[in-house]
Protein backbone atom coordinates (compact mmCIF):
# COMPACT_ATOMS: atom_id res chain seq x y z
CA UNK A 1 131.58 16.42 120.05
CA UNK A 2 129.40 18.91 117.82
CA UNK A 3 130.46 20.08 115.09
CA UNK A 4 131.17 24.15 115.50
CA UNK A 5 128.71 26.46 113.65
CA UNK A 6 130.48 28.86 111.43
CA UNK A 7 128.52 31.69 109.22
CA UNK A 8 130.40 33.78 106.66
CA UNK A 9 129.03 36.36 104.88
CA UNK A 10 130.59 37.25 101.15
CA UNK A 11 129.73 38.23 97.88
CA UNK A 12 128.25 35.45 95.52
CA UNK A 13 131.59 34.83 93.86
CA UNK A 14 131.63 31.35 91.86
CA UNK A 15 135.11 30.04 93.13
CA UNK A 16 133.37 29.86 96.38
CA UNK A 17 130.10 28.04 95.30
CA UNK A 18 131.27 24.36 96.24
CA UNK A 19 131.93 25.35 99.80
CA UNK A 20 128.38 27.11 99.90
CA UNK A 21 127.30 24.13 98.13
CA UNK A 22 128.27 21.62 100.76
CA UNK A 23 130.74 20.09 98.63
CA UNK A 24 133.87 20.96 100.66
CA UNK A 25 134.39 18.91 103.78
CA UNK A 26 134.34 20.83 106.60
CA UNK A 27 136.21 18.71 109.71
CA UNK A 28 134.86 19.68 112.95
CA UNK A 29 132.66 23.18 111.67
CA UNK A 30 129.22 23.07 110.08
CA UNK A 31 129.71 26.14 107.80
CA UNK A 32 126.89 28.21 106.46
CA UNK A 33 127.75 30.82 103.47
CA UNK A 34 125.97 33.68 103.56
CA UNK A 35 126.08 34.94 100.01
CA UNK A 36 125.20 38.03 97.74
CA UNK A 37 122.89 37.39 95.13
CA UNK A 38 123.51 38.25 91.08
CA UNK A 39 126.92 40.33 91.99
CA UNK A 40 124.85 43.21 92.99
CA UNK A 41 127.58 46.27 94.70
CA UNK A 42 124.95 47.00 97.47
CA UNK A 43 125.02 43.33 98.52
CA UNK A 44 128.74 43.13 98.79
CA UNK A 45 128.90 45.93 100.32
CA UNK A 46 126.36 44.35 103.20
CA UNK A 47 128.33 41.78 103.12
CA UNK A 48 131.63 43.52 104.42
CA UNK A 49 129.38 45.55 106.90
CA UNK A 50 127.97 42.46 108.66
CA UNK A 51 131.23 40.21 108.76
CA UNK A 52 132.58 42.92 111.25
CA UNK A 53 129.38 44.66 112.63
CA UNK A 54 127.05 41.67 113.05
CA UNK A 55 127.32 39.80 116.25
CA UNK A 56 125.03 37.39 114.50
CA UNK A 57 127.45 36.13 112.36
CA UNK A 58 131.46 34.62 112.96
CA UNK A 59 132.57 36.55 110.36
CA UNK A 60 133.38 36.80 106.43
CA UNK A 61 134.43 38.99 103.51
CA UNK A 62 135.97 41.98 104.45
CA UNK A 63 138.28 44.48 103.35
CA UNK A 64 142.01 44.78 103.43
CA UNK A 65 142.24 47.98 104.37
CA UNK A 66 140.08 48.24 106.98
CA UNK A 67 141.79 44.95 108.54
CA UNK A 68 145.12 46.59 108.05
CA UNK A 69 144.06 49.86 109.91
CA UNK A 70 142.37 48.43 112.78
CA UNK A 71 145.68 46.71 113.30
CA UNK A 72 147.39 50.15 113.06
CA UNK A 73 144.85 51.41 116.00
CA UNK A 74 145.73 48.21 118.04
CA UNK A 75 142.29 46.85 117.43
CA UNK A 76 142.35 43.12 117.72
CA UNK A 77 138.75 42.39 117.48
CA UNK A 78 138.86 40.40 114.55
CA UNK A 79 141.39 37.86 113.29
CA UNK A 80 142.82 37.85 109.35
CA UNK A 81 142.90 34.54 107.69
CA UNK A 82 145.03 34.42 104.79
CA UNK A 83 142.03 33.93 102.76
CA UNK A 84 141.35 36.47 100.06
CA UNK A 85 137.82 36.01 98.36
CA UNK A 86 138.48 38.77 95.83
CA UNK A 87 141.73 39.92 93.87
CA UNK A 88 142.00 42.09 91.07
CA UNK A 89 144.53 43.46 88.54
CA UNK A 90 143.97 47.24 88.48
CA UNK A 91 144.41 48.18 85.06
CA UNK A 92 141.28 47.56 83.51
CA UNK A 93 139.60 49.99 86.41
CA UNK A 94 141.05 53.45 84.64
CA UNK A 95 138.46 55.37 82.83
CA UNK A 96 138.75 58.07 80.47
CA UNK A 97 136.30 59.52 78.24
CA UNK A 98 136.14 58.90 74.19
CA UNK A 99 138.74 60.56 72.29
CA UNK A 100 140.95 61.27 75.21
CA UNK A 101 144.24 62.07 74.01
CA UNK A 102 145.58 60.02 77.49
CA UNK A 103 147.06 56.46 76.48
CA UNK A 104 149.19 55.39 79.40
CA UNK A 105 149.54 55.88 83.34
CA UNK A 106 152.21 58.16 82.70
CA UNK A 107 149.97 60.57 80.96
CA UNK A 108 147.81 61.06 84.02
CA UNK A 109 150.79 63.03 85.74
CA UNK A 110 149.18 66.37 87.03
CA UNK A 111 145.41 65.51 86.05
CA UNK A 112 142.14 65.57 87.45
CA UNK A 113 141.10 61.85 88.78
CA UNK A 114 138.01 60.90 90.14
CA UNK A 115 137.86 57.73 92.60
CA UNK A 116 135.02 55.88 94.61
CA UNK A 117 137.36 56.56 97.86
CA UNK A 118 141.22 57.39 98.87
CA UNK A 119 140.99 55.06 101.96
CA UNK A 120 139.58 51.64 100.47
CA UNK A 121 141.94 48.45 99.24
CA UNK A 122 141.11 48.80 95.73
CA UNK A 123 142.34 52.69 95.60
CA UNK A 124 145.74 51.72 97.44
CA UNK A 125 146.42 48.92 94.77
CA UNK A 126 145.64 51.70 92.13
CA UNK A 127 148.21 53.87 93.38
CA UNK A 128 150.72 50.80 93.53
CA UNK A 129 149.90 50.11 90.19
CA UNK A 130 150.32 53.96 89.28
CA UNK A 131 153.60 53.63 90.82
CA UNK A 132 154.66 50.60 88.82
CA UNK A 133 153.81 52.23 86.11
CA UNK A 134 156.23 55.79 86.54
CA UNK A 135 153.34 57.76 87.60
CA UNK A 136 153.87 59.54 91.22
CA UNK A 137 149.86 59.63 92.52
CA UNK A 138 150.94 62.70 94.68
CA UNK A 139 151.05 64.87 91.39
CA UNK A 140 147.16 64.00 90.76
CA UNK A 141 144.35 65.94 91.62
CA UNK A 142 141.96 63.96 93.35
CA UNK A 143 138.33 64.11 93.07
CA UNK A 144 136.03 61.75 95.57
CA UNK A 145 132.77 60.98 94.82
CA UNK A 146 130.44 58.32 93.56
CA UNK A 147 131.00 56.73 90.33
CA UNK A 148 127.40 56.44 89.23
CA UNK A 149 125.42 55.14 92.40
CA UNK A 150 126.80 55.18 96.05
CA UNK A 151 128.58 52.10 97.24
CA UNK A 152 127.97 53.11 100.52
CA UNK A 153 131.53 53.35 101.42
CA UNK A 154 133.01 56.35 103.18
CA UNK A 155 136.30 57.91 102.55
CA UNK A 156 139.03 60.02 103.97
CA UNK A 157 139.49 63.36 102.37
CA UNK A 158 143.31 63.94 102.40
CA UNK A 159 145.13 67.56 101.80
CA UNK A 160 144.67 68.43 98.21
CA UNK A 161 141.84 66.51 97.48
CA UNK A 162 137.94 67.39 97.04
CA UNK A 163 134.59 66.09 97.10
CA UNK A 164 132.59 66.14 94.06
CA UNK A 165 129.72 68.67 94.16
CA UNK A 166 126.63 67.24 95.39
CA UNK A 167 124.01 65.64 93.12
CA UNK A 168 127.01 65.04 90.37
CA UNK A 169 128.33 61.71 89.60
CA UNK A 170 131.98 61.36 88.69
CA UNK A 171 130.94 59.42 85.50
CA UNK A 172 128.96 62.70 84.18
CA UNK A 173 131.95 64.93 85.17
CA UNK A 174 134.45 63.05 83.34
CA UNK A 175 131.62 63.02 80.27
CA UNK A 176 131.68 66.77 80.78
CA UNK A 177 135.14 67.29 80.58
CA UNK A 178 135.76 68.33 84.54
CA UNK A 179 137.73 65.07 85.19
CA UNK A 180 140.22 63.71 83.12
CA UNK A 181 139.74 60.15 84.37
CA UNK A 182 138.04 57.93 86.82
CA UNK A 183 139.16 54.79 88.79
CA UNK A 184 136.48 52.45 89.31
CA UNK A 185 135.95 48.97 90.65
CA UNK A 186 132.75 48.35 88.68
CA UNK A 187 132.63 49.42 84.68
CA UNK A 188 130.47 52.69 84.88
CA UNK A 189 127.09 52.62 83.25
CA UNK A 190 128.49 54.75 80.27
CA UNK A 191 131.09 52.64 79.29
CA UNK A 192 131.11 50.91 75.85
CA UNK A 193 134.59 49.58 74.60
CA UNK A 194 134.28 50.80 71.44
CA UNK A 195 130.79 53.24 71.70
CA UNK A 196 131.60 55.06 74.78
CA UNK A 197 131.26 57.72 76.04
CA UNK A 198 133.37 56.19 78.37
CA UNK A 199 136.46 53.75 77.44
CA UNK A 200 139.14 52.36 79.04
CA UNK A 201 142.76 54.19 79.56
CA UNK A 202 144.09 50.80 78.52
CA UNK A 203 142.47 49.44 76.31
CA UNK A 204 145.17 46.31 75.77
CA UNK A 205 144.88 46.24 79.64
CA UNK A 206 145.66 42.37 79.94
CA UNK A 207 149.05 42.71 78.71
CA UNK A 208 149.76 45.55 80.83
CA UNK A 209 148.37 43.76 83.92
CA UNK A 210 150.66 40.91 82.79
CA UNK A 211 153.84 42.58 82.93
CA UNK A 212 152.67 44.43 86.23
CA UNK A 213 151.98 40.79 87.70
CA UNK A 214 155.58 39.91 86.04
CA UNK A 215 157.62 42.43 88.07
CA UNK A 216 155.94 42.84 91.42
CA UNK A 217 153.96 39.24 91.85
CA UNK A 218 151.30 40.99 92.99
CA UNK A 219 147.49 39.69 91.77
CA UNK A 220 146.30 42.51 94.32
CA UNK A 221 144.44 40.79 97.14
CA UNK A 222 141.23 43.25 98.11
CA UNK A 223 139.20 41.04 100.82
CA UNK A 224 139.89 38.83 102.85
CA UNK A 225 137.87 36.61 105.21
CA UNK A 226 137.53 37.67 108.75
CA UNK A 227 136.39 35.94 112.03
CA UNK A 228 135.36 37.61 115.60
CA UNK A 229 138.36 37.15 118.04
CA UNK A 230 135.99 35.51 120.60
CA UNK A 231 135.40 32.73 118.28
CA UNK A 232 138.91 32.31 117.53
CA UNK A 233 139.93 32.68 121.33
CA UNK A 234 137.48 29.36 121.94
CA UNK A 235 138.75 27.48 119.47
CA UNK A 236 141.95 28.57 117.97
CA UNK A 237 142.29 25.80 115.79
CA UNK A 238 139.58 27.21 113.33
CA UNK A 239 142.21 29.92 111.77
CA UNK A 240 144.27 27.08 110.16
CA UNK A 241 141.10 24.76 109.71
CA UNK A 242 138.84 27.51 107.68
CA UNK A 243 142.07 28.79 105.59
CA UNK A 244 142.37 24.78 104.51
CA UNK A 245 138.57 24.64 103.69
CA UNK A 246 138.82 27.54 101.65
CA UNK A 247 142.05 26.00 99.81
CA UNK A 248 140.30 22.82 99.46
CA UNK A 249 137.51 24.51 97.85
CA UNK A 250 139.45 26.65 95.44
CA UNK A 251 141.17 23.63 94.51
CA UNK A 252 137.78 22.10 93.70
CA UNK A 253 136.66 25.20 91.71
CA UNK A 254 140.06 25.30 89.56
CA UNK A 255 139.65 21.64 88.51
CA UNK A 256 136.22 22.30 87.33
CA UNK A 257 137.48 25.21 85.54
CA UNK A 258 139.69 22.77 83.59
CA UNK A 259 137.70 20.09 83.39
CA UNK A 260 134.91 22.13 81.92
CA UNK A 261 135.49 25.47 80.35
CA UNK A 262 132.60 26.60 78.77
CA UNK A 263 131.26 29.43 81.03
CA UNK A 264 132.15 31.88 77.93
CA UNK A 265 133.07 30.53 74.36
CA UNK A 266 136.83 31.04 75.16
CA UNK A 267 137.42 30.67 78.56
CA UNK A 268 139.63 27.65 77.88
CA UNK A 269 141.98 29.80 75.96
CA UNK A 270 142.11 32.39 78.77
CA UNK A 271 142.39 29.48 81.29
CA UNK A 272 145.30 28.17 79.50
CA UNK A 273 146.96 31.51 79.04
CA UNK A 274 146.72 32.27 82.65
CA UNK A 275 147.84 29.33 83.98
CA UNK A 276 150.78 29.74 81.71
CA UNK A 277 151.87 32.94 82.90
CA UNK A 278 150.80 32.78 86.48
CA UNK A 279 150.86 28.89 87.64
CA UNK A 280 148.35 26.97 88.56
CA UNK A 281 147.83 28.65 91.75
CA UNK A 282 147.53 32.50 90.78
CA UNK A 283 144.29 32.68 93.01
CA UNK A 284 146.12 31.22 96.05
CA UNK A 285 145.57 31.53 99.81
CA UNK A 286 147.72 31.23 102.90
CA UNK A 287 150.99 31.74 104.00
CA UNK A 288 153.82 31.83 103.20
CA UNK A 289 153.01 31.72 99.15
CA UNK A 290 150.69 35.42 99.90
CA UNK A 291 152.96 37.25 101.98
CA UNK A 292 154.55 39.08 99.51
CA UNK A 293 151.36 40.31 97.93
CA UNK A 294 150.52 41.29 101.33
CA UNK A 295 153.46 42.94 102.58
CA UNK A 296 153.39 45.43 99.33
CA UNK A 297 149.65 46.07 100.50
CA UNK A 298 150.91 47.51 103.79
CA UNK A 299 153.91 49.05 102.57
CA UNK A 300 151.69 51.02 99.72
CA UNK A 301 149.35 51.84 102.71
CA UNK A 302 152.24 53.48 105.00
CA UNK A 303 153.74 54.98 101.77
CA UNK A 304 150.36 56.69 101.34
CA UNK A 305 150.12 57.93 104.85
CA UNK A 306 147.21 55.79 105.49
CA UNK A 307 148.85 54.10 108.55
CA UNK A 308 150.71 55.84 111.39
CA UNK A 309 153.45 52.82 110.94
CA UNK A 310 154.46 50.02 108.51
CA UNK A 311 152.63 47.35 109.51
CA UNK A 312 154.24 43.52 108.52
CA UNK A 313 152.68 40.36 107.51
CA UNK A 314 153.81 38.77 110.67
CA UNK A 315 151.33 41.42 112.68
CA UNK A 316 148.96 41.60 109.77
CA UNK A 317 148.02 37.60 110.53
CA UNK A 318 149.54 37.12 113.99
CA UNK A 319 146.82 35.14 115.31
CA UNK A 320 146.56 33.20 112.54
CA UNK A 321 150.19 32.68 112.52
CA UNK A 322 150.08 31.95 116.74
CA UNK A 323 146.81 29.15 116.09
């Protein structure tokens, strides 16, 4: 029997390159990875769009939040796999203008904060992080808009929030003093750790993020791999097999990082420190290993009023668990 053709869209994360390069065994499948280039955010947005909107591909990298919202609507058109090509720790993504008196998450209470989306996966994790840091996200005066240029994302504007004025970026508003802080996945173009005019709220973000991870167990998964339901229904084994392939890919990537940690001059120190704090499988896939993080994500989304009910891990990955 011929191998099952599988085409998956994804950003060009270095950790998926062993699979894209054909270095990972893919029993029963012929996998084609359709990757972005040069880390472009526009390519990433297009990968997410194609994963669920292009019937010419099997699936690919998708938003954790959008998958959750589909499930909340009883839409099972796409099957989620416990494979997380993108994880992030949230502390690095909080920015203020140079010279700001704000120094901690608690200092943001009641302040004007700009964000690119209220409904995106990253925004849900930001508020989980705020809550962990002793800040109630409901106290924030939210403004929604583009950081510098559009990601191609849309957002619900909740009661009490507002849209940025047309033609004004959130970075411009921050520098002008019209906002007190912004949250942004990509570094704003006017960010510089020393020269500003935009700097991080938490300059030593690594220490804060390490404490967040120790206390919550969340190395926040933001994207997952999804496949079209009709592909899964015709080949139910593919859910487990694809997950195994990505786990093998991650193992291969991690081994290369340990053996040749030369991507940056001090990467070896960083790899050793990360493994010491978080363990060898800090960027894990699969269940039950990742259930706690997914459960925390679903709980936070419901607490924020973004879902009509509390979705559990078993429902989030229902097809995978019954494969």
